[in-house]
Amino acid sequence: MCGAPKQGGTLAGIDLDAQTVIQGQVWHDGAPVAGAYVRLLDTTDEFTAEVVTSPEGEFRFFAAPGEWKVRSLAPVGKGERVLSAEVGLNETTIVID
């Protein structure tokens, strides 16, 4: 069992001029994937954090600016994205094939 917090909601009270936020959704067959594990990995594939997607397939991480890999693991499969995050809101979608 993962101890990650539930995802979703707004960014009220978050200073996006000072924070680096990586958020998005996990999709499979045109629908969001609830309950998927999403992992944040650094450039050496070192595990940094893990969250569980919301009922709408949403996830969110607070990270440092830089290159990141976001990997999703779910019963229906896995997917990943590599992105270059900057200070502010960085949005992405992970599609599970």
Protein backbone atom coordinates (compact mmCIF):
# COMPACT_ATOMS: atom_id res chain seq x y z
CA MET A 1 0.00 0.00 0.00
CA CYS A 2 1.27 3.44 -0.90
CA GLY A 3 1.29 6.22 1.67
CA ALA A 4 0.97 8.91 -0.99
CA PRO A 5 -1.68 11.59 -0.52
CA LYS A 6 -4.79 11.66 -2.68
CA GLN A 7 -4.46 13.95 -5.70
CA GLY A 8 -6.68 16.57 -7.30
CA GLY A 9 -8.03 19.90 -6.21
CA THR A 10 -6.84 23.41 -6.89
CA LEU A 11 -3.56 25.22 -6.36
CA ALA A 12 -5.07 27.90 -4.11
CA GLY A 13 -2.45 29.44 -1.87
CA ILE A 14 0.49 28.11 -3.91
CA ASP A 15 3.00 30.74 -5.09
CA LEU A 16 3.70 29.62 -8.65
CA ASP A 17 6.39 32.29 -8.95
CA ALA A 18 8.44 30.39 -6.37
CA GLN A 19 7.31 26.74 -6.73
CA THR A 20 7.88 24.16 -9.44
CA VAL A 21 4.72 22.11 -9.83
CA ILE A 22 4.43 19.09 -12.13
CA GLN A 23 0.85 17.97 -12.60
CA GLY A 24 -1.29 16.18 -15.11
CA GLN A 25 -3.54 13.24 -15.82
CA VAL A 26 -3.15 9.57 -16.66
CA TRP A 27 -5.32 8.28 -19.53
CA HIS A 28 -6.09 4.88 -21.06
CA ASP A 29 -8.51 4.20 -23.94
CA GLY A 30 -9.82 7.79 -23.84
CA ALA A 31 -10.65 7.79 -20.12
CA PRO A 32 -8.82 8.96 -16.99
CA VAL A 33 -7.19 6.24 -14.87
CA ALA A 34 -8.08 6.46 -11.18
CA GLY A 35 -5.85 4.82 -8.59
CA ALA A 36 -2.74 4.60 -10.78
CA TYR A 37 0.65 4.99 -9.11
CA VAL A 38 2.66 7.86 -10.59
CA ARG A 39 6.36 8.07 -9.84
CA LEU A 40 8.72 11.00 -10.20
CA LEU A 41 12.23 9.96 -11.27
CA ASP A 42 15.35 12.10 -11.69
CA THR A 43 17.73 12.03 -14.67
CA THR A 44 19.47 8.90 -13.34
CA ASP A 45 16.10 7.10 -12.94
CA GLU A 46 16.40 7.47 -9.17
CA PHE A 47 13.00 7.29 -7.44
CA THR A 48 12.06 10.66 -5.90
CA ALA A 49 8.34 10.54 -5.07
CA GLU A 50 5.12 8.63 -5.69
CA VAL A 51 1.45 9.60 -5.63
CA VAL A 52 -1.85 7.89 -6.46
CA THR A 53 -4.10 9.45 -9.09
CA SER A 54 -7.45 10.96 -8.14
CA PRO A 55 -10.78 9.61 -9.47
CA GLU A 56 -10.20 11.98 -12.43
CA GLY A 57 -6.74 10.50 -13.09
CA GLU A 58 -4.96 13.61 -11.74
CA PHE A 59 -1.54 13.74 -10.10
CA ARG A 60 0.72 16.49 -8.72
CA PHE A 61 4.32 16.82 -7.57
CA PHE A 62 6.28 19.71 -6.09
CA ALA A 63 9.83 19.45 -7.40
CA ALA A 64 12.97 21.39 -8.28
CA PRO A 65 13.35 22.85 -11.77
CA GLY A 66 15.06 20.47 -14.20
CA GLU A 67 14.67 17.28 -16.19
CA TRP A 68 12.22 14.72 -14.79
CA LYS A 69 10.67 11.44 -15.82
CA VAL A 70 7.06 10.84 -14.76
CA ARG A 71 6.06 7.15 -14.85
CA SER A 72 2.59 5.70 -14.35
CA LEU A 73 1.89 2.14 -13.22
CA ALA A 74 -1.67 0.78 -13.28
CA PRO A 75 -3.39 -2.59 -13.72
CA VAL A 76 -4.14 -1.61 -17.34
CA GLY A 77 -0.46 -0.94 -18.14
CA LYS A 78 2.25 1.66 -17.80
CA GLY A 79 3.36 4.85 -19.49
CA GLU A 80 5.85 7.63 -19.00
CA ARG A 81 6.82 11.13 -20.06
CA VAL A 82 10.09 13.02 -19.85
CA LEU A 83 9.80 16.74 -19.27
CA SER A 84 11.86 19.80 -18.49
CA ALA A 85 10.17 21.51 -15.55
CA GLU A 86 10.56 25.22 -14.88
CA VAL A 87 9.43 27.32 -11.93
CA GLY A 88 5.65 27.58 -12.20
CA LEU A 89 3.02 25.13 -13.38
CA ASN A 90 4.21 22.32 -15.66
CA GLU A 91 1.35 20.22 -17.05
CA THR A 92 1.61 16.88 -18.82
CA THR A 93 -0.48 13.88 -19.80
CA ILE A 94 0.61 10.27 -19.51
CA VAL A 95 -1.12 7.91 -21.93
CA ILE A 96 -1.11 4.21 -21.12
CA ASP A 97 -1.14 2.17 -24.32
